[in-house]
Amino acid sequence: MTTNGEQAMSTGVTLENVAVAYGKRTVLSDVSATFEPGHVHGIIGPNGAGKSTLLHAILGVRAYTGSVRVDGHEIAHMSARERAEHVAFVA
């Protein structure tokens, strides 16, 4: 949130020890990365490697363990409206 016309400073996206499972099957484990604002980043890998699953965790629409912070805020603690103010996805 900003006040008095100030712009919020973006700190990017930080992942720490992120893991995602579908039932008992772990599909991502121990993923840590920092995506800084003002840079172009790519997530590459073969089909089924977990690229889309990782993006869904960053968007807050897939359950995960670990920490996903967007602009310093833990995505799991944000409402859908707050997430929409920080992240967007176009397929």
PDB file of N, CA and C in Angstrom:
ATOM      1  N   MET A   1       0.832  -1.178   0.000  1.00  0.00           N
ATOM      2  CA  MET A   1       0.000   0.000   0.000  1.00  0.00           C
ATOM      3  C   MET A   1       0.881   1.247   0.000  1.00  0.00           C
ATOM      4  N   THR A   2       0.442   2.262  -0.649  1.00  0.00           N
ATOM      5  CA  THR A   2       1.184   3.514  -0.681  1.00  0.00           C
ATOM      6  C   THR A   2       0.320   4.631  -0.122  1.00  0.00           C
ATOM      7  N   THR A   3       0.985   5.675   0.322  1.00  0.00           N
ATOM      8  CA  THR A   3       0.266   6.832   0.841  1.00  0.00           C
ATOM      9  C   THR A   3       0.868   8.094   0.264  1.00  0.00           C
ATOM     10  N   ASN A   4       0.094   9.149   0.247  1.00  0.00           N
ATOM     11  CA  ASN A   4       0.575  10.455  -0.194  1.00  0.00           C
ATOM     12  C   ASN A   4       1.234  10.428  -1.567  1.00  0.00           C
ATOM     13  N   GLY A   5       0.714   9.608  -2.473  1.00  0.00           N
ATOM     14  CA  GLY A   5       1.236   9.574  -3.828  1.00  0.00           C
ATOM     15  C   GLY A   5       2.560   8.844  -3.979  1.00  0.00           C
ATOM     16  N   GLU A   6       3.059   8.195  -2.914  1.00  0.00           N
ATOM     17  CA  GLU A   6       4.312   7.450  -3.006  1.00  0.00           C
ATOM     18  C   GLU A   6       4.083   6.175  -3.796  1.00  0.00           C
ATOM     19  N   GLN A   7       5.105   5.742  -4.524  1.00  0.00           N
ATOM     20  CA  GLN A   7       5.017   4.474  -5.225  1.00  0.00           C
ATOM     21  C   GLN A   7       5.701   3.403  -4.397  1.00  0.00           C
ATOM     22  N   ALA A   8       5.084   2.223  -4.347  1.00  0.00           N
ATOM     23  CA  ALA A   8       5.684   1.108  -3.622  1.00  0.00           C
ATOM     24  C   ALA A   8       6.902   0.620  -4.388  1.00  0.00           C
ATOM     25  N   MET A   9       7.946   0.266  -3.650  1.00  0.00           N
ATOM     26  CA  MET A   9       9.149  -0.251  -4.271  1.00  0.00           C
ATOM     27  C   MET A   9       9.027  -1.761  -4.403  1.00  0.00           C
ATOM     28  N   SER A  10       9.194  -2.258  -5.599  1.00  0.00           N
ATOM     29  CA  SER A  10       9.090  -3.682  -5.845  1.00  0.00           C
ATOM     30  C   SER A  10      10.401  -4.373  -5.489  1.00  0.00           C
ATOM     31  N   THR A  11      10.294  -5.442  -4.720  1.00  0.00           N
ATOM     32  CA  THR A  11      11.477  -6.225  -4.379  1.00  0.00           C
ATOM     33  C   THR A  11      11.518  -7.534  -5.146  1.00  0.00           C
ATOM     34  N   GLY A  12      10.523  -7.760  -5.997  1.00  0.00           N
ATOM     35  CA  GLY A  12      10.509  -8.964  -6.818  1.00  0.00           C
ATOM     36  C   GLY A  12       9.876 -10.150  -6.117  1.00  0.00           C
ATOM     37  N   VAL A  13      10.265 -11.330  -6.584  1.00  0.00           N
ATOM     38  CA  VAL A  13       9.719 -12.587  -6.076  1.00  0.00           C
ATOM     39  C   VAL A  13      10.862 -13.393  -5.472  1.00  0.00           C
ATOM     40  N   THR A  14      10.660 -13.874  -4.256  1.00  0.00           N
ATOM     41  CA  THR A  14      11.664 -14.696  -3.582  1.00  0.00           C
ATOM     42  C   THR A  14      11.033 -16.014  -3.174  1.00  0.00           C
ATOM     43  N   LEU A  15      11.658 -17.096  -3.579  1.00  0.00           N
ATOM     44  CA  LEU A  15      11.227 -18.445  -3.221  1.00  0.00           C
ATOM     45  C   LEU A  15      12.259 -19.042  -2.283  1.00  0.00           C
ATOM     46  N   GLU A  16      11.814 -19.650  -1.199  1.00  0.00           N
ATOM     47  CA  GLU A  16      12.716 -20.311  -0.271  1.00  0.00           C
ATOM     48  C   GLU A  16      12.171 -21.683   0.078  1.00  0.00           C
ATOM     49  N   ASN A  17      12.909 -22.711  -0.321  1.00  0.00           N
ATOM     50  CA  ASN A  17      12.583 -24.105   0.013  1.00  0.00           C
ATOM     51  C   ASN A  17      11.146 -24.470  -0.350  1.00  0.00           C
ATOM     52  N   VAL A  18      10.698 -24.049  -1.518  1.00  0.00           N
ATOM     53  CA  VAL A  18       9.327 -24.322  -1.954  1.00  0.00           C
ATOM     54  C   VAL A  18       9.207 -25.781  -2.388  1.00  0.00           C
ATOM     55  N   ALA A  19       8.143 -26.411  -1.939  1.00  0.00           N
ATOM     56  CA  ALA A  19       7.819 -27.780  -2.331  1.00  0.00           C
ATOM     57  C   ALA A  19       6.328 -27.847  -2.635  1.00  0.00           C
ATOM     58  N   VAL A  20       5.977 -28.643  -3.645  1.00  0.00           N
ATOM     59  CA  VAL A  20       4.579 -28.822  -4.026  1.00  0.00           C
ATOM     60  C   VAL A  20       4.344 -30.312  -4.219  1.00  0.00           C
ATOM     61  N   ALA A  21       3.210 -30.785  -3.735  1.00  0.00           N
ATOM     62  CA  ALA A  21       2.849 -32.191  -3.895  1.00  0.00           C
ATOM     63  C   ALA A  21       1.426 -32.286  -4.421  1.00  0.00           C
ATOM     64  N   TYR A  22       1.205 -33.318  -5.211  1.00  0.00           N
ATOM     65  CA  TYR A  22      -0.141 -33.715  -5.638  1.00  0.00           C
ATOM     66  C   TYR A  22      -0.448 -34.985  -4.869  1.00  0.00           C
ATOM     67  N   GLY A  23      -1.218 -34.854  -3.805  1.00  0.00           N
ATOM     68  CA  GLY A  23      -1.455 -36.002  -2.937  1.00  0.00           C
ATOM     69  C   GLY A  23      -0.151 -36.379  -2.249  1.00  0.00           C
ATOM     70  N   LYS A  24       0.257 -37.627  -2.375  1.00  0.00           N
ATOM     71  CA  LYS A  24       1.505 -38.083  -1.758  1.00  0.00           C
ATOM     72  C   LYS A  24       2.706 -37.935  -2.681  1.00  0.00           C
ATOM     73  N   ARG A  25       2.455 -37.523  -3.937  1.00  0.00           N
ATOM     74  CA  ARG A  25       3.536 -37.403  -4.922  1.00  0.00           C
ATOM     75  C   ARG A  25       4.116 -35.990  -4.919  1.00  0.00           C
ATOM     76  N   THR A  26       5.366 -35.855  -4.480  1.00  0.00           N
ATOM     77  CA  THR A  26       6.046 -34.566  -4.492  1.00  0.00           C
ATOM     78  C   THR A  26       6.529 -34.286  -5.906  1.00  0.00           C
ATOM     79  N   VAL A  27       6.122 -33.140  -6.452  1.00  0.00           N
ATOM     80  CA  VAL A  27       6.513 -32.798  -7.832  1.00  0.00           C
ATOM     81  C   VAL A  27       7.571 -31.699  -7.873  1.00  0.00           C
ATOM     82  N   LEU A  28       7.682 -30.918  -6.823  1.00  0.00           N
ATOM     83  CA  LEU A  28       8.743 -29.920  -6.676  1.00  0.00           C
ATOM     84  C   LEU A  28       9.251 -30.010  -5.246  1.00  0.00           C
ATOM     85  N   SER A  29      10.563 -29.888  -5.073  1.00  0.00           N
ATOM     86  CA  SER A  29      11.088 -29.876  -3.711  1.00  0.00           C
ATOM     87  C   SER A  29      12.307 -28.974  -3.627  1.00  0.00           C
ATOM     88  N   ASP A  30      12.388 -28.265  -2.525  1.00  0.00           N
ATOM     89  CA  ASP A  30      13.543 -27.439  -2.192  1.00  0.00           C
ATOM     90  C   ASP A  30      13.918 -26.443  -3.290  1.00  0.00           C
ATOM     91  N   VAL A  31      12.915 -25.745  -3.831  1.00  0.00           N
ATOM     92  CA  VAL A  31      13.164 -24.740  -4.865  1.00  0.00           C
ATOM     93  C   VAL A  31      13.382 -23.388  -4.191  1.00  0.00           C
ATOM     94  N   SER A  32      14.538 -22.782  -4.450  1.00  0.00           N
ATOM     95  CA  SER A  32      14.849 -21.453  -3.933  1.00  0.00           C
ATOM     96  C   SER A  32      15.362 -20.609  -5.088  1.00  0.00           C
ATOM     97  N   ALA A  33      14.857 -19.386  -5.204  1.00  0.00           N
ATOM     98  CA  ALA A  33      15.278 -18.498  -6.286  1.00  0.00           C
ATOM     99  C   ALA A  33      14.838 -17.087  -5.962  1.00  0.00           C
ATOM    100  N   THR A  34      15.482 -16.133  -6.606  1.00  0.00           N
ATOM    101  CA  THR A  34      15.081 -14.735  -6.507  1.00  0.00           C
ATOM    102  C   THR A  34      14.909 -14.191  -7.909  1.00  0.00           C
ATOM    103  N   PHE A  35      13.761 -13.592  -8.166  1.00  0.00           N
ATOM    104  CA  PHE A  35      13.462 -12.969  -9.454  1.00  0.00           C
ATOM    105  C   PHE A  35      13.370 -11.472  -9.201  1.00  0.00           C
ATOM    106  N   GLU A  36      14.391 -10.753  -9.637  1.00  0.00           N
ATOM    107  CA  GLU A  36      14.480  -9.325  -9.363  1.00  0.00           C
ATOM    108  C   GLU A  36      13.683  -8.520 -10.370  1.00  0.00           C
ATOM    109  N   PRO A  37      13.082  -7.418  -9.928  1.00  0.00           N
ATOM    110  CA  PRO A  37      12.343  -6.556 -10.856  1.00  0.00           C
ATOM    111  C   PRO A  37      13.295  -5.919 -11.864  1.00  0.00           C
ATOM    112  N   GLY A  38      12.773  -5.663 -13.056  1.00  0.00           N
ATOM    113  CA  GLY A  38      13.572  -5.021 -14.086  1.00  0.00           C
ATOM    114  C   GLY A  38      14.421  -5.976 -14.897  1.00  0.00           C
ATOM    115  N   HIS A  39      14.306  -7.273 -14.622  1.00  0.00           N
ATOM    116  CA  HIS A  39      15.054  -8.293 -15.353  1.00  0.00           C
ATOM    117  C   HIS A  39      14.078  -9.259 -16.002  1.00  0.00           C
ATOM    118  N   VAL A  40      14.501  -9.886 -17.063  1.00  0.00           N
ATOM    119  CA  VAL A  40      13.697 -10.917 -17.707  1.00  0.00           C
ATOM    120  C   VAL A  40      14.210 -12.271 -17.220  1.00  0.00           C
ATOM    121  N   HIS A  41      13.287 -13.093 -16.751  1.00  0.00           N
ATOM    122  CA  HIS A  41      13.641 -14.410 -16.234  1.00  0.00           C
ATOM    123  C   HIS A  41      12.871 -15.462 -17.014  1.00  0.00           C
ATOM    124  N   GLY A  42      13.437 -16.631 -17.128  1.00  0.00           N
ATOM    125  CA  GLY A  42      12.757 -17.742 -17.780  1.00  0.00           C
ATOM    126  C   GLY A  42      12.804 -18.972 -16.905  1.00  0.00           C
ATOM    127  N   ILE A  43      11.771 -19.755 -16.972  1.00  0.00           N
ATOM    128  CA  ILE A  43      11.741 -21.051 -16.284  1.00  0.00           C
ATOM    129  C   ILE A  43      11.646 -22.083 -17.392  1.00  0.00           C
ATOM    130  N   ILE A  44      12.695 -22.874 -17.549  1.00  0.00           N
ATOM    131  CA  ILE A  44      12.740 -23.824 -18.655  1.00  0.00           C
ATOM    132  C   ILE A  44      12.920 -25.243 -18.135  1.00  0.00           C
ATOM    133  N   GLY A  45      12.473 -26.193 -18.925  1.00  0.00           N
ATOM    134  CA  GLY A  45      12.626 -27.598 -18.584  1.00  0.00           C
ATOM    135  C   GLY A  45      11.711 -28.430 -19.444  1.00  0.00           C
ATOM    136  N   PRO A  46      11.899 -29.728 -19.403  1.00  0.00           N
ATOM    137  CA  PRO A  46      11.069 -30.623 -20.218  1.00  0.00           C
ATOM    138  C   PRO A  46       9.624 -30.672 -19.713  1.00  0.00           C
ATOM    139  N   ASN A  47       8.754 -31.218 -20.557  1.00  0.00           N
ATOM    140  CA  ASN A  47       7.364 -31.411 -20.150  1.00  0.00           C
ATOM    141  C   ASN A  47       7.319 -32.207 -18.851  1.00  0.00           C
ATOM    142  N   GLY A  48       6.469 -31.785 -17.950  1.00  0.00           N
ATOM    143  CA  GLY A  48       6.304 -32.490 -16.689  1.00  0.00           C
ATOM    144  C   GLY A  48       7.341 -32.159 -15.635  1.00  0.00           C
ATOM    145  N   ALA A  49       8.193 -31.178 -15.891  1.00  0.00           N
ATOM    146  CA  ALA A  49       9.255 -30.836 -14.937  1.00  0.00           C
ATOM    147  C   ALA A  49       8.756 -29.997 -13.766  1.00  0.00           C
ATOM    148  N   GLY A  50       7.571 -29.380 -13.885  1.00  0.00           N
ATOM    149  CA  GLY A  50       7.014 -28.598 -12.790  1.00  0.00           C
ATOM    150  C   GLY A  50       7.008 -27.097 -13.021  1.00  0.00           C
ATOM    151  N   LYS A  51       7.233 -26.667 -14.249  1.00  0.00           N
ATOM    152  CA  LYS A  51       7.266 -25.226 -14.553  1.00  0.00           C
ATOM    153  C   LYS A  51       5.938 -24.557 -14.238  1.00  0.00           C
ATOM    154  N   SER A  52       4.858 -25.096 -14.750  1.00  0.00           N
ATOM    155  CA  SER A  52       3.530 -24.516 -14.501  1.00  0.00           C
ATOM    156  C   SER A  52       3.146 -24.639 -13.034  1.00  0.00           C
ATOM    157  N   THR A  53       3.504 -25.736 -12.416  1.00  0.00           N
ATOM    158  CA  THR A  53       3.225 -25.926 -10.996  1.00  0.00           C
ATOM    159  C   THR A  53       3.929 -24.864 -10.170  1.00  0.00           C
ATOM    160  N   LEU A  54       5.173 -24.553 -10.511  1.00  0.00           N
ATOM    161  CA  LEU A  54       5.907 -23.502  -9.811  1.00  0.00           C
ATOM    162  C   LEU A  54       5.224 -22.149  -9.989  1.00  0.00           C
ATOM    163  N   LEU A  55       4.813 -21.838 -11.209  1.00  0.00           N
ATOM    164  CA  LEU A  55       4.111 -20.574 -11.451  1.00  0.00           C
ATOM    165  C   LEU A  55       2.809 -20.507 -10.658  1.00  0.00           C
ATOM    166  N   HIS A  56       2.085 -21.618 -10.581  1.00  0.00           N
ATOM    167  CA  HIS A  56       0.835 -21.641  -9.816  1.00  0.00           C
ATOM    168  C   HIS A  56       1.096 -21.421  -8.328  1.00  0.00           C
ATOM    169  N   ALA A  57       2.205 -21.929  -7.810  1.00  0.00           N
ATOM    170  CA  ALA A  57       2.564 -21.674  -6.409  1.00  0.00           C
ATOM    171  C   ALA A  57       2.862 -20.191  -6.216  1.00  0.00           C
ATOM    172  N   ILE A  58       3.612 -19.584  -7.153  1.00  0.00           N
ATOM    173  CA  ILE A  58       3.927 -18.159  -7.061  1.00  0.00           C
ATOM    174  C   ILE A  58       2.653 -17.318  -7.101  1.00  0.00           C
ATOM    175  N   LEU A  59       1.684 -17.744  -7.895  1.00  0.00           N
ATOM    176  CA  LEU A  59       0.411 -17.021  -7.993  1.00  0.00           C
ATOM    177  C   LEU A  59      -0.477 -17.240  -6.770  1.00  0.00           C
ATOM    178  N   GLY A  60      -0.143 -18.239  -5.966  1.00  0.00           N
ATOM    179  CA  GLY A  60      -0.942 -18.523  -4.778  1.00  0.00           C
ATOM    180  C   GLY A  60      -2.165 -19.362  -5.048  1.00  0.00           C
ATOM    181  N   VAL A  61      -2.215 -20.024  -6.204  1.00  0.00           N
ATOM    182  CA  VAL A  61      -3.379 -20.859  -6.533  1.00  0.00           C
ATOM    183  C   VAL A  61      -3.083 -22.349  -6.375  1.00  0.00           C
ATOM    184  N   ARG A  62      -1.875 -22.704  -5.978  1.00  0.00           N
ATOM    185  CA  ARG A  62      -1.490 -24.094  -5.724  1.00  0.00           C
ATOM    186  C   ARG A  62      -0.862 -24.143  -4.333  1.00  0.00           C
ATOM    187  N   ALA A  63      -1.307 -25.080  -3.511  1.00  0.00           N
ATOM    188  CA  ALA A  63      -0.759 -25.215  -2.161  1.00  0.00           C
ATOM    189  C   ALA A  63       0.722 -25.594  -2.235  1.00  0.00           C
ATOM    190  N   TYR A  64       1.506 -25.058  -1.317  1.00  0.00           N
ATOM    191  CA  TYR A  64       2.940 -25.328  -1.278  1.00  0.00           C
ATOM    192  C   TYR A  64       3.424 -25.237   0.159  1.00  0.00           C
ATOM    193  N   THR A  65       4.606 -25.740   0.385  1.00  0.00           N
ATOM    194  CA  THR A  65       5.291 -25.510   1.647  1.00  0.00           C
ATOM    195  C   THR A  65       6.522 -24.674   1.333  1.00  0.00           C
ATOM    196  N   GLY A  66       7.086 -24.059   2.336  1.00  0.00           N
ATOM    197  CA  GLY A  66       8.204 -23.148   2.126  1.00  0.00           C
ATOM    198  C   GLY A  66       7.687 -21.726   2.110  1.00  0.00           C
ATOM    199  N   SER A  67       8.400 -20.859   1.417  1.00  0.00           N
ATOM    200  CA  SER A  67       8.041 -19.450   1.407  1.00  0.00           C
ATOM    201  C   SER A  67       8.060 -18.893  -0.016  1.00  0.00           C
ATOM    202  N   VAL A  68       6.970 -18.223  -0.387  1.00  0.00           N
ATOM    203  CA  VAL A  68       6.885 -17.470  -1.644  1.00  0.00           C
ATOM    204  C   VAL A  68       6.532 -16.045  -1.250  1.00  0.00           C
ATOM    205  N   ARG A  69       7.483 -15.132  -1.451  1.00  0.00           N
ATOM    206  CA  ARG A  69       7.239 -13.725  -1.126  1.00  0.00           C
ATOM    207  C   ARG A  69       7.265 -12.900  -2.401  1.00  0.00           C
ATOM    208  N   VAL A  70       6.259 -12.057  -2.541  1.00  0.00           N
ATOM    209  CA  VAL A  70       6.168 -11.127  -3.666  1.00  0.00           C
ATOM    210  C   VAL A  70       6.203  -9.726  -3.082  1.00  0.00           C
ATOM    211  N   ASP A  71       7.186  -8.954  -3.489  1.00  0.00           N
ATOM    212  CA  ASP A  71       7.388  -7.604  -2.945  1.00  0.00           C
ATOM    213  C   ASP A  71       7.438  -7.622  -1.423  1.00  0.00           C
ATOM    214  N   GLY A  72       8.055  -8.661  -0.876  1.00  0.00           N
ATOM    215  CA  GLY A  72       8.240  -8.780   0.567  1.00  0.00           C
ATOM    216  C   GLY A  72       7.071  -9.357   1.335  1.00  0.00           C
ATOM    217  N   HIS A  73       5.977  -9.677   0.655  1.00  0.00           N
ATOM    218  CA  HIS A  73       4.774 -10.194   1.318  1.00  0.00           C
ATOM    219  C   HIS A  73       4.610 -11.682   1.004  1.00  0.00           C
ATOM    220  N   GLU A  74       4.359 -12.469   2.038  1.00  0.00           N
ATOM    221  CA  GLU A  74       4.120 -13.897   1.859  1.00  0.00           C
ATOM    222  C   GLU A  74       2.800 -14.078   1.104  1.00  0.00           C
ATOM    223  N   ILE A  75       2.861 -14.726  -0.044  1.00  0.00           N
ATOM    224  CA  ILE A  75       1.694 -14.851  -0.926  1.00  0.00           C
ATOM    225  C   ILE A  75       0.563 -15.645  -0.255  1.00  0.00           C
ATOM    226  N   ALA A  76       0.921 -16.607   0.602  1.00  0.00           N
ATOM    227  CA  ALA A  76      -0.097 -17.433   1.255  1.00  0.00           C
ATOM    228  C   ALA A  76      -0.963 -16.631   2.225  1.00  0.00           C
ATOM    229  N   HIS A  77      -0.472 -15.486   2.676  1.00  0.00           N
ATOM    230  CA  HIS A  77      -1.226 -14.675   3.632  1.00  0.00           C
ATOM    231  C   HIS A  77      -2.012 -13.558   2.964  1.00  0.00           C
ATOM    232  N   MET A  78      -1.974 -13.498   1.640  1.00  0.00           N
ATOM    233  CA  MET A  78      -2.682 -12.445   0.906  1.00  0.00           C
ATOM    234  C   MET A  78      -4.064 -12.925   0.475  1.00  0.00           C
ATOM    235  N   SER A  79      -4.995 -11.997   0.420  1.00  0.00           N
ATOM    236  CA  SER A  79      -6.300 -12.304  -0.164  1.00  0.00           C
ATOM    237  C   SER A  79      -6.135 -12.354  -1.687  1.00  0.00           C
ATOM    238  N   ALA A  80      -7.140 -12.856  -2.378  1.00  0.00           N
ATOM    239  CA  ALA A  80      -7.089 -12.897  -3.842  1.00  0.00           C
ATOM    240  C   ALA A  80      -6.914 -11.486  -4.410  1.00  0.00           C
ATOM    241  N   ARG A  81      -7.558 -10.520  -3.822  1.00  0.00           N
ATOM    242  CA  ARG A  81      -7.432  -9.134  -4.284  1.00  0.00           C
ATOM    243  C   ARG A  81      -6.006  -8.612  -4.096  1.00  0.00           C
ATOM    244  N   GLU A  82      -5.414  -8.884  -2.935  1.00  0.00           N
ATOM    245  CA  GLU A  82      -4.042  -8.444  -2.687  1.00  0.00           C
ATOM    246  C   GLU A  82      -3.058  -9.116  -3.649  1.00  0.00           C
ATOM    247  N   ARG A  83      -3.256 -10.416  -3.893  1.00  0.00           N
ATOM    248  CA  ARG A  83      -2.384 -11.122  -4.858  1.00  0.00           C
ATOM    249  C   ARG A  83      -2.491 -10.477  -6.225  1.00  0.00           C
ATOM    250  N   ALA A  84      -3.703 -10.116  -6.635  1.00  0.00           N
ATOM    251  CA  ALA A  84      -3.912  -9.515  -7.955  1.00  0.00           C
ATOM    252  C   ALA A  84      -3.226  -8.153  -8.080  1.00  0.00           C
ATOM    253  N   GLU A  85      -2.994  -7.489  -6.968  1.00  0.00           N
ATOM    254  CA  GLU A  85      -2.279  -6.212  -6.983  1.00  0.00           C
ATOM    255  C   GLU A  85      -0.780  -6.394  -7.177  1.00  0.00           C
ATOM    256  N   HIS A  86      -0.278  -7.599  -6.938  1.00  0.00           N
ATOM    257  CA  HIS A  86       1.160  -7.867  -6.988  1.00  0.00           C
ATOM    258  C   HIS A  86       1.594  -8.758  -8.148  1.00  0.00           C
ATOM    259  N   VAL A  87       0.759  -9.703  -8.549  1.00  0.00           N
ATOM    260  CA  VAL A  87       1.157 -10.668  -9.578  1.00  0.00           C
ATOM    261  C   VAL A  87       0.039 -10.867 -10.595  1.00  0.00           C
ATOM    262  N   ALA A  88       0.436 -11.210 -11.805  1.00  0.00           N
ATOM    263  CA  ALA A  88      -0.517 -11.545 -12.863  1.00  0.00           C
ATOM    264  C   ALA A  88       0.111 -12.597 -13.748  1.00  0.00           C
ATOM    265  N   PHE A  89      -0.704 -13.319 -14.453  1.00  0.00           N
ATOM    266  CA  PHE A  89      -0.228 -14.414 -15.295  1.00  0.00           C
ATOM    267  C   PHE A  89      -1.028 -14.423 -16.593  1.00  0.00           C
ATOM    268  N   VAL A  90      -0.338 -14.492 -17.699  1.00  0.00           N
ATOM    269  CA  VAL A  90      -0.976 -14.632 -19.000  1.00  0.00           C
ATOM    270  C   VAL A  90      -0.411 -15.888 -19.645  1.00  0.00           C
ATOM    271  N   ALA A  91      -1.285 -16.827 -19.931  1.00  0.00           N
ATOM    272  CA  ALA A  91      -0.832 -18.098 -20.525  1.00  0.00           C
ATOM    273  C   ALA A  91      -0.527 -17.917 -22.000  1.00  0.00           C
TER     274      ALA A  91
END
